[in-house]
Amino acid sequence: MMTYTMRMSIDEVDVRTVAGYWIDRIDEMLSACLRDHDKLPPERTIDVRFDEFMADDMAMAERVWDTAGYAPSDESRSAVAEYLA
């Protein structure tokens, strides 16, 4: 999206620069998550394994909501189910 937006204001987008920016940003965010994970109380965190999410994505969404203490409305639950379908 950033590259597409840049095309409106400059003639030629340096894709390598944009890719490098996002690679660094994602690395920084993931590193911070790993660094800070143990600073949070265990009952307030959840590790979402990809294979578990893929096996039952809606059940995993429920686990995340439960961990967060969030009770989604029927409308929200339905919207998430539709998105995941």
PDB file of N, CA and C in Angstrom:
ATOM      1  N   MET A   1       0.824  -1.182   0.000  1.00  0.00           N
ATOM      2  CA  MET A   1       0.000   0.000   0.000  1.00  0.00           C
ATOM      3  C   MET A   1       0.874   1.253   0.000  1.00  0.00           C
ATOM      4  N   MET A   2       1.935   1.212   0.803  1.00  0.00           N
ATOM      5  CA  MET A   2       2.835   2.363   0.869  1.00  0.00           C
ATOM      6  C   MET A   2       3.455   2.641  -0.496  1.00  0.00           C
ATOM      7  N   THR A   3       3.874   1.579  -1.188  1.00  0.00           N
ATOM      8  CA  THR A   3       4.467   1.733  -2.514  1.00  0.00           C
ATOM      9  C   THR A   3       3.453   2.300  -3.485  1.00  0.00           C
ATOM     10  N   TYR A   4       2.241   1.822  -3.435  1.00  0.00           N
ATOM     11  CA  TYR A   4       1.183   2.317  -4.319  1.00  0.00           C
ATOM     12  C   TYR A   4       0.943   3.804  -4.071  1.00  0.00           C
ATOM     13  N   THR A   5       0.888   4.202  -2.811  1.00  0.00           N
ATOM     14  CA  THR A   5       0.675   5.607  -2.468  1.00  0.00           C
ATOM     15  C   THR A   5       1.845   6.459  -2.927  1.00  0.00           C
ATOM     16  N   MET A   6       3.058   5.955  -2.777  1.00  0.00           N
ATOM     17  CA  MET A   6       4.240   6.706  -3.204  1.00  0.00           C
ATOM     18  C   MET A   6       4.211   6.983  -4.699  1.00  0.00           C
ATOM     19  N   ARG A   7       3.615   6.080  -5.468  1.00  0.00           N
ATOM     20  CA  ARG A   7       3.563   6.260  -6.923  1.00  0.00           C
ATOM     21  C   ARG A   7       2.795   7.516  -7.313  1.00  0.00           C
ATOM     22  N   MET A   8       1.939   8.010  -6.429  1.00  0.00           N
ATOM     23  CA  MET A   8       1.161   9.208  -6.741  1.00  0.00           C
ATOM     24  C   MET A   8       1.986  10.481  -6.588  1.00  0.00           C
ATOM     25  N   SER A   9       3.090  10.423  -5.835  1.00  0.00           N
ATOM     26  CA  SER A   9       3.855  11.638  -5.588  1.00  0.00           C
ATOM     27  C   SER A   9       5.268  11.630  -6.161  1.00  0.00           C
ATOM     28  N   ILE A  10       5.768  10.476  -6.564  1.00  0.00           N
ATOM     29  CA  ILE A  10       7.093  10.423  -7.179  1.00  0.00           C
ATOM     30  C   ILE A  10       7.037   9.580  -8.440  1.00  0.00           C
ATOM     31  N   ASP A  11       7.971   9.860  -9.337  1.00  0.00           N
ATOM     32  CA  ASP A  11       7.961   9.182 -10.639  1.00  0.00           C
ATOM     33  C   ASP A  11       8.337   7.711 -10.549  1.00  0.00           C
ATOM     34  N   GLU A  12       9.342   7.404  -9.744  1.00  0.00           N
ATOM     35  CA  GLU A  12       9.807   6.018  -9.673  1.00  0.00           C
ATOM     36  C   GLU A  12      10.017   5.616  -8.217  1.00  0.00           C
ATOM     37  N   VAL A  13       9.344   4.577  -7.816  1.00  0.00           N
ATOM     38  CA  VAL A  13       9.446   4.089  -6.440  1.00  0.00           C
ATOM     39  C   VAL A  13      10.598   3.099  -6.353  1.00  0.00           C
ATOM     40  N   ASP A  14      11.465   3.306  -5.371  1.00  0.00           N
ATOM     41  CA  ASP A  14      12.566   2.373  -5.143  1.00  0.00           C
ATOM     42  C   ASP A  14      12.037   1.226  -4.279  1.00  0.00           C
ATOM     43  N   VAL A  15      11.656   0.153  -4.939  1.00  0.00           N
ATOM     44  CA  VAL A  15      11.028  -0.976  -4.255  1.00  0.00           C
ATOM     45  C   VAL A  15      11.966  -1.583  -3.211  1.00  0.00           C
ATOM     46  N   ARG A  16      13.247  -1.616  -3.492  1.00  0.00           N
ATOM     47  CA  ARG A  16      14.201  -2.169  -2.515  1.00  0.00           C
ATOM     48  C   ARG A  16      14.213  -1.349  -1.218  1.00  0.00           C
ATOM     49  N   THR A  17      14.127  -0.039  -1.354  1.00  0.00           N
ATOM     50  CA  THR A  17      14.097   0.819  -0.167  1.00  0.00           C
ATOM     51  C   THR A  17      12.830   0.573   0.639  1.00  0.00           C
ATOM     52  N   VAL A  18      11.707   0.499  -0.051  1.00  0.00           N
ATOM     53  CA  VAL A  18      10.432   0.255   0.625  1.00  0.00           C
ATOM     54  C   VAL A  18      10.451  -1.118   1.294  1.00  0.00           C
ATOM     55  N   ALA A  19      10.929  -2.127   0.576  1.00  0.00           N
ATOM     56  CA  ALA A  19      10.999  -3.479   1.146  1.00  0.00           C
ATOM     57  C   ALA A  19      11.914  -3.495   2.367  1.00  0.00           C
ATOM     58  N   GLY A  20      13.053  -2.824   2.264  1.00  0.00           N
ATOM     59  CA  GLY A  20      13.980  -2.762   3.390  1.00  0.00           C
ATOM     60  C   GLY A  20      13.359  -2.112   4.606  1.00  0.00           C
ATOM     61  N   TYR A  21      12.601  -1.052   4.373  1.00  0.00           N
ATOM     62  CA  TYR A  21      11.907  -0.370   5.467  1.00  0.00           C
ATOM     63  C   TYR A  21      10.972  -1.335   6.179  1.00  0.00           C
ATOM     64  N   TRP A  22      10.157  -2.069   5.412  1.00  0.00           N
ATOM     65  CA  TRP A  22       9.173  -2.966   6.026  1.00  0.00           C
ATOM     66  C   TRP A  22       9.825  -4.178   6.671  1.00  0.00           C
ATOM     67  N   ILE A  23      10.883  -4.677   6.086  1.00  0.00           N
ATOM     68  CA  ILE A  23      11.604  -5.799   6.700  1.00  0.00           C
ATOM     69  C   ILE A  23      12.153  -5.372   8.058  1.00  0.00           C
ATOM     70  N   ASP A  24      12.769  -4.184   8.106  1.00  0.00           N
ATOM     71  CA  ASP A  24      13.312  -3.680   9.372  1.00  0.00           C
ATOM     72  C   ASP A  24      12.207  -3.432  10.395  1.00  0.00           C
ATOM     73  N   ARG A  25      11.104  -2.878   9.934  1.00  0.00           N
ATOM     74  CA  ARG A  25       9.999  -2.565  10.853  1.00  0.00           C
ATOM     75  C   ARG A  25       9.400  -3.840  11.451  1.00  0.00           C
ATOM     76  N   ILE A  26       9.166  -4.845  10.610  1.00  0.00           N
ATOM     77  CA  ILE A  26       8.612  -6.113  11.093  1.00  0.00           C
ATOM     78  C   ILE A  26       9.590  -6.790  12.047  1.00  0.00           C
ATOM     79  N   ASP A  27      10.885  -6.749  11.699  1.00  0.00           N
ATOM     80  CA  ASP A  27      11.899  -7.326  12.583  1.00  0.00           C
ATOM     81  C   ASP A  27      11.887  -6.632  13.943  1.00  0.00           C
ATOM     82  N   GLU A  28      11.775  -5.313  13.942  1.00  0.00           N
ATOM     83  CA  GLU A  28      11.742  -4.552  15.195  1.00  0.00           C
ATOM     84  C   GLU A  28      10.515  -4.919  16.033  1.00  0.00           C
ATOM     85  N   MET A  29       9.356  -5.024  15.385  1.00  0.00           N
ATOM     86  CA  MET A  29       8.129  -5.354  16.120  1.00  0.00           C
ATOM     87  C   MET A  29       8.180  -6.766  16.699  1.00  0.00           C
ATOM     88  N   LEU A  30       8.628  -7.732  15.889  1.00  0.00           N
ATOM     89  CA  LEU A  30       8.693  -9.107  16.380  1.00  0.00           C
ATOM     90  C   LEU A  30       9.733  -9.257  17.485  1.00  0.00           C
ATOM     91  N   SER A  31      10.856  -8.570  17.333  1.00  0.00           N
ATOM     92  CA  SER A  31      11.887  -8.617  18.377  1.00  0.00           C
ATOM     93  C   SER A  31      11.363  -8.038  19.685  1.00  0.00           C
ATOM     94  N   ALA A  32      10.601  -6.940  19.604  1.00  0.00           N
ATOM     95  CA  ALA A  32      10.017  -6.340  20.808  1.00  0.00           C
ATOM     96  C   ALA A  32       9.014  -7.291  21.453  1.00  0.00           C
ATOM     97  N   CYS A  33       8.234  -7.979  20.636  1.00  0.00           N
ATOM     98  CA  CYS A  33       7.274  -8.954  21.183  1.00  0.00           C
ATOM     99  C   CYS A  33       7.996 -10.054  21.948  1.00  0.00           C
ATOM    100  N   LEU A  34       9.051 -10.578  21.355  1.00  0.00           N
ATOM    101  CA  LEU A  34       9.812 -11.633  22.028  1.00  0.00           C
ATOM    102  C   LEU A  34      10.489 -11.108  23.289  1.00  0.00           C
ATOM    103  N   ARG A  35      11.056  -9.914  23.198  1.00  0.00           N
ATOM    104  CA  ARG A  35      11.760  -9.328  24.338  1.00  0.00           C
ATOM    105  C   ARG A  35      10.815  -9.076  25.511  1.00  0.00           C
ATOM    106  N   ASP A  36       9.613  -8.595  25.220  1.00  0.00           N
ATOM    107  CA  ASP A  36       8.703  -8.145  26.273  1.00  0.00           C
ATOM    108  C   ASP A  36       7.666  -9.176  26.702  1.00  0.00           C
ATOM    109  N   HIS A  37       7.610 -10.308  26.051  1.00  0.00           N
ATOM    110  CA  HIS A  37       6.572 -11.305  26.325  1.00  0.00           C
ATOM    111  C   HIS A  37       6.501 -11.678  27.799  1.00  0.00           C
ATOM    112  N   ASP A  38       7.641 -11.930  28.412  1.00  0.00           N
ATOM    113  CA  ASP A  38       7.660 -12.388  29.808  1.00  0.00           C
ATOM    114  C   ASP A  38       7.395 -11.275  30.818  1.00  0.00           C
ATOM    115  N   LYS A  39       7.294 -10.044  30.358  1.00  0.00           N
ATOM    116  CA  LYS A  39       6.980  -8.933  31.261  1.00  0.00           C
ATOM    117  C   LYS A  39       5.485  -8.871  31.568  1.00  0.00           C
ATOM    118  N   LEU A  40       4.702  -9.579  30.785  1.00  0.00           N
ATOM    119  CA  LEU A  40       3.254  -9.593  30.978  1.00  0.00           C
ATOM    120  C   LEU A  40       2.854 -10.805  31.808  1.00  0.00           C
ATOM    121  N   PRO A  41       1.793 -10.680  32.604  1.00  0.00           N
ATOM    122  CA  PRO A  41       1.340 -11.836  33.382  1.00  0.00           C
ATOM    123  C   PRO A  41       0.854 -12.946  32.450  1.00  0.00           C
ATOM    124  N   PRO A  42       1.186 -14.195  32.745  1.00  0.00           N
ATOM    125  CA  PRO A  42       0.816 -15.309  31.865  1.00  0.00           C
ATOM    126  C   PRO A  42      -0.679 -15.387  31.564  1.00  0.00           C
ATOM    127  N   GLU A  43      -1.511 -15.001  32.531  1.00  0.00           N
ATOM    128  CA  GLU A  43      -2.957 -15.079  32.293  1.00  0.00           C
ATOM    129  C   GLU A  43      -3.452 -14.002  31.325  1.00  0.00           C
ATOM    130  N   ARG A  44      -2.576 -13.056  30.961  1.00  0.00           N
ATOM    131  CA  ARG A  44      -2.966 -11.986  30.034  1.00  0.00           C
ATOM    132  C   ARG A  44      -2.320 -12.146  28.661  1.00  0.00           C
ATOM    133  N   THR A  45      -1.660 -13.270  28.441  1.00  0.00           N
ATOM    134  CA  THR A  45      -1.024 -13.503  27.143  1.00  0.00           C
ATOM    135  C   THR A  45      -1.494 -14.830  26.554  1.00  0.00           C
ATOM    136  N   ILE A  46      -1.351 -14.921  25.254  1.00  0.00           N
ATOM    137  CA  ILE A  46      -1.680 -16.165  24.560  1.00  0.00           C
ATOM    138  C   ILE A  46      -0.722 -16.306  23.384  1.00  0.00           C
ATOM    139  N   ASP A  47      -0.187 -17.487  23.227  1.00  0.00           N
ATOM    140  CA  ASP A  47       0.640 -17.785  22.067  1.00  0.00           C
ATOM    141  C   ASP A  47      -0.239 -18.514  21.066  1.00  0.00           C
ATOM    142  N   VAL A  48      -0.360 -17.951  19.890  1.00  0.00           N
ATOM    143  CA  VAL A  48      -1.216 -18.528  18.851  1.00  0.00           C
ATOM    144  C   VAL A  48      -0.332 -19.291  17.870  1.00  0.00           C
ATOM    145  N   ARG A  49      -0.439 -20.593  17.913  1.00  0.00           N
ATOM    146  CA  ARG A  49       0.319 -21.428  16.975  1.00  0.00           C
ATOM    147  C   ARG A  49      -0.414 -21.455  15.643  1.00  0.00           C
ATOM    148  N   PHE A  50       0.343 -21.324  14.573  1.00  0.00           N
ATOM    149  CA  PHE A  50      -0.242 -21.275  13.240  1.00  0.00           C
ATOM    150  C   PHE A  50      -1.073 -22.520  12.949  1.00  0.00           C
ATOM    151  N   ASP A  51      -0.543 -23.705  13.291  1.00  0.00           N
ATOM    152  CA  ASP A  51      -1.273 -24.937  12.984  1.00  0.00           C
ATOM    153  C   ASP A  51      -2.580 -25.020  13.770  1.00  0.00           C
ATOM    154  N   GLU A  52      -2.596 -24.523  15.004  1.00  0.00           N
ATOM    155  CA  GLU A  52      -3.833 -24.523  15.785  1.00  0.00           C
ATOM    156  C   GLU A  52      -4.843 -23.530  15.211  1.00  0.00           C
ATOM    157  N   PHE A  53      -4.348 -22.378  14.786  1.00  0.00           N
ATOM    158  CA  PHE A  53      -5.230 -21.386  14.174  1.00  0.00           C
ATOM    159  C   PHE A  53      -5.844 -21.939  12.898  1.00  0.00           C
ATOM    160  N   MET A  54      -5.022 -22.580  12.084  1.00  0.00           N
ATOM    161  CA  MET A  54      -5.515 -23.117  10.810  1.00  0.00           C
ATOM    162  C   MET A  54      -6.488 -24.276  11.027  1.00  0.00           C
ATOM    163  N   ALA A  55      -6.292 -25.038  12.096  1.00  0.00           N
ATOM    164  CA  ALA A  55      -7.173 -26.178  12.370  1.00  0.00           C
ATOM    165  C   ALA A  55      -8.569 -25.722  12.783  1.00  0.00           C
ATOM    166  N   ASP A  56      -8.657 -24.615  13.530  1.00  0.00           N
ATOM    167  CA  ASP A  56      -9.962 -24.106  13.971  1.00  0.00           C
ATOM    168  C   ASP A  56      -9.815 -22.623  14.293  1.00  0.00           C
ATOM    169  N   ASP A  57      -9.887 -21.813  13.248  1.00  0.00           N
ATOM    170  CA  ASP A  57      -9.632 -20.386  13.399  1.00  0.00           C
ATOM    171  C   ASP A  57     -10.624 -19.687  14.328  1.00  0.00           C
ATOM    172  N   MET A  58     -11.875 -20.066  14.273  1.00  0.00           N
ATOM    173  CA  MET A  58     -12.870 -19.416  15.124  1.00  0.00           C
ATOM    174  C   MET A  58     -12.662 -19.776  16.594  1.00  0.00           C
ATOM    175  N   ALA A  59     -12.290 -21.017  16.863  1.00  0.00           N
ATOM    176  CA  ALA A  59     -11.996 -21.415  18.246  1.00  0.00           C
ATOM    177  C   ALA A  59     -10.801 -20.624  18.782  1.00  0.00           C
ATOM    178  N   MET A  60      -9.816 -20.374  17.931  1.00  0.00           N
ATOM    179  CA  MET A  60      -8.655 -19.588  18.359  1.00  0.00           C
ATOM    180  C   MET A  60      -9.062 -18.143  18.627  1.00  0.00           C
ATOM    181  N   ALA A  61      -9.930 -17.597  17.798  1.00  0.00           N
ATOM    182  CA  ALA A  61     -10.432 -16.238  18.049  1.00  0.00           C
ATOM    183  C   ALA A  61     -11.128 -16.185  19.407  1.00  0.00           C
ATOM    184  N   GLU A  62     -11.895 -17.214  19.718  1.00  0.00           N
ATOM    185  CA  GLU A  62     -12.575 -17.294  21.018  1.00  0.00           C
ATOM    186  C   GLU A  62     -11.563 -17.315  22.168  1.00  0.00           C
ATOM    187  N   ARG A  63     -10.489 -18.077  21.999  1.00  0.00           N
ATOM    188  CA  ARG A  63      -9.448 -18.140  23.037  1.00  0.00           C
ATOM    189  C   ARG A  63      -8.795 -16.780  23.241  1.00  0.00           C
ATOM    190  N   VAL A  64      -8.541 -16.080  22.142  1.00  0.00           N
ATOM    191  CA  VAL A  64      -7.942 -14.743  22.231  1.00  0.00           C
ATOM    192  C   VAL A  64      -8.895 -13.803  22.964  1.00  0.00           C
ATOM    193  N   TRP A  65     -10.167 -13.829  22.584  1.00  0.00           N
ATOM    194  CA  TRP A  65     -11.152 -12.978  23.260  1.00  0.00           C
ATOM    195  C   TRP A  65     -11.227 -13.294  24.752  1.00  0.00           C
ATOM    196  N   ASP A  66     -11.251 -14.590  25.081  1.00  0.00           N
ATOM    197  CA  ASP A  66     -11.316 -14.993  26.489  1.00  0.00           C
ATOM    198  C   ASP A  66     -10.106 -14.473  27.265  1.00  0.00           C
ATOM    199  N   THR A  67      -8.923 -14.613  26.672  1.00  0.00           N
ATOM    200  CA  THR A  67      -7.700 -14.146  27.322  1.00  0.00           C
ATOM    201  C   THR A  67      -7.740 -12.639  27.542  1.00  0.00           C
ATOM    202  N   ALA A  68      -8.297 -11.926  26.577  1.00  0.00           N
ATOM    203  CA  ALA A  68      -8.377 -10.465  26.672  1.00  0.00           C
ATOM    204  C   ALA A  68      -9.524 -10.002  27.563  1.00  0.00           C
ATOM    205  N   GLY A  69     -10.375 -10.936  27.974  1.00  0.00           N
ATOM    206  CA  GLY A  69     -11.537 -10.559  28.767  1.00  0.00           C
ATOM    207  C   GLY A  69     -12.565  -9.799  27.948  1.00  0.00           C
ATOM    208  N   TYR A  70     -12.619 -10.119  26.666  1.00  0.00           N
ATOM    209  CA  TYR A  70     -13.502  -9.423  25.726  1.00  0.00           C
ATOM    210  C   TYR A  70     -14.694 -10.305  25.388  1.00  0.00           C
ATOM    211  N   ALA A  71     -15.870  -9.744  25.467  1.00  0.00           N
ATOM    212  CA  ALA A  71     -17.089 -10.471  25.103  1.00  0.00           C
ATOM    213  C   ALA A  71     -17.684  -9.801  23.865  1.00  0.00           C
ATOM    214  N   PRO A  72     -17.369 -10.338  22.679  1.00  0.00           N
ATOM    215  CA  PRO A  72     -17.861  -9.696  21.460  1.00  0.00           C
ATOM    216  C   PRO A  72     -19.377  -9.812  21.334  1.00  0.00           C
ATOM    217  N   SER A  73     -19.950  -8.821  20.689  1.00  0.00           N
ATOM    218  CA  SER A  73     -21.388  -8.878  20.408  1.00  0.00           C
ATOM    219  C   SER A  73     -21.627  -9.955  19.356  1.00  0.00           C
ATOM    220  N   ASP A  74     -22.865 -10.354  19.206  1.00  0.00           N
ATOM    221  CA  ASP A  74     -23.200 -11.329  18.164  1.00  0.00           C
ATOM    222  C   ASP A  74     -22.816 -10.792  16.792  1.00  0.00           C
ATOM    223  N   GLU A  75     -22.991  -9.483  16.604  1.00  0.00           N
ATOM    224  CA  GLU A  75     -22.639  -8.858  15.324  1.00  0.00           C
ATOM    225  C   GLU A  75     -21.132  -8.941  15.069  1.00  0.00           C
ATOM    226  N   SER A  76     -20.340  -8.664  16.086  1.00  0.00           N
ATOM    227  CA  SER A  76     -18.879  -8.756  15.952  1.00  0.00           C
ATOM    228  C   SER A  76     -18.441 -10.188  15.693  1.00  0.00           C
ATOM    229  N   ARG A  77     -18.994 -11.113  16.458  1.00  0.00           N
ATOM    230  CA  ARG A  77     -18.659 -12.534  16.294  1.00  0.00           C
ATOM    231  C   ARG A  77     -18.994 -12.996  14.872  1.00  0.00           C
ATOM    232  N   SER A  78     -20.147 -12.576  14.379  1.00  0.00           N
ATOM    233  CA  SER A  78     -20.581 -12.937  13.033  1.00  0.00           C
ATOM    234  C   SER A  78     -19.655 -12.335  11.976  1.00  0.00           C
ATOM    235  N   ALA A  79     -19.231 -11.092  12.196  1.00  0.00           N
ATOM    236  CA  ALA A  79     -18.327 -10.436  11.243  1.00  0.00           C
ATOM    237  C   ALA A  79     -16.985 -11.153  11.184  1.00  0.00           C
ATOM    238  N   VAL A  80     -16.461 -11.564  12.342  1.00  0.00           N
ATOM    239  CA  VAL A  80     -15.194 -12.295  12.370  1.00  0.00           C
ATOM    240  C   VAL A  80     -15.356 -13.646  11.683  1.00  0.00           C
ATOM    241  N   ALA A  81     -16.427 -14.343  11.966  1.00  0.00           N
ATOM    242  CA  ALA A  81     -16.676 -15.646  11.334  1.00  0.00           C
ATOM    243  C   ALA A  81     -16.773 -15.492   9.820  1.00  0.00           C
ATOM    244  N   GLU A  82     -17.434 -14.440   9.368  1.00  0.00           N
ATOM    245  CA  GLU A  82     -17.551 -14.201   7.921  1.00  0.00           C
ATOM    246  C   GLU A  82     -16.188 -13.892   7.316  1.00  0.00           C
ATOM    247  N   TYR A  83     -15.389 -13.094   8.009  1.00  0.00           N
ATOM    248  CA  TYR A  83     -14.054 -12.755   7.522  1.00  0.00           C
ATOM    249  C   TYR A  83     -13.167 -13.998   7.433  1.00  0.00           C
ATOM    250  N   LEU A  84     -13.262 -14.870   8.427  1.00  0.00           N
ATOM    251  CA  LEU A  84     -12.417 -16.063   8.463  1.00  0.00           C
ATOM    252  C   LEU A  84     -12.880 -17.156   7.505  1.00  0.00           C
ATOM    253  N   ALA A  85     -14.125 -17.077   7.064  1.00  0.00           N
ATOM    254  CA  ALA A  85     -14.678 -18.124   6.183  1.00  0.00           C
ATOM    255  C   ALA A  85     -14.006 -18.136   4.823  1.00  0.00           C
TER     256      ALA A  85
END
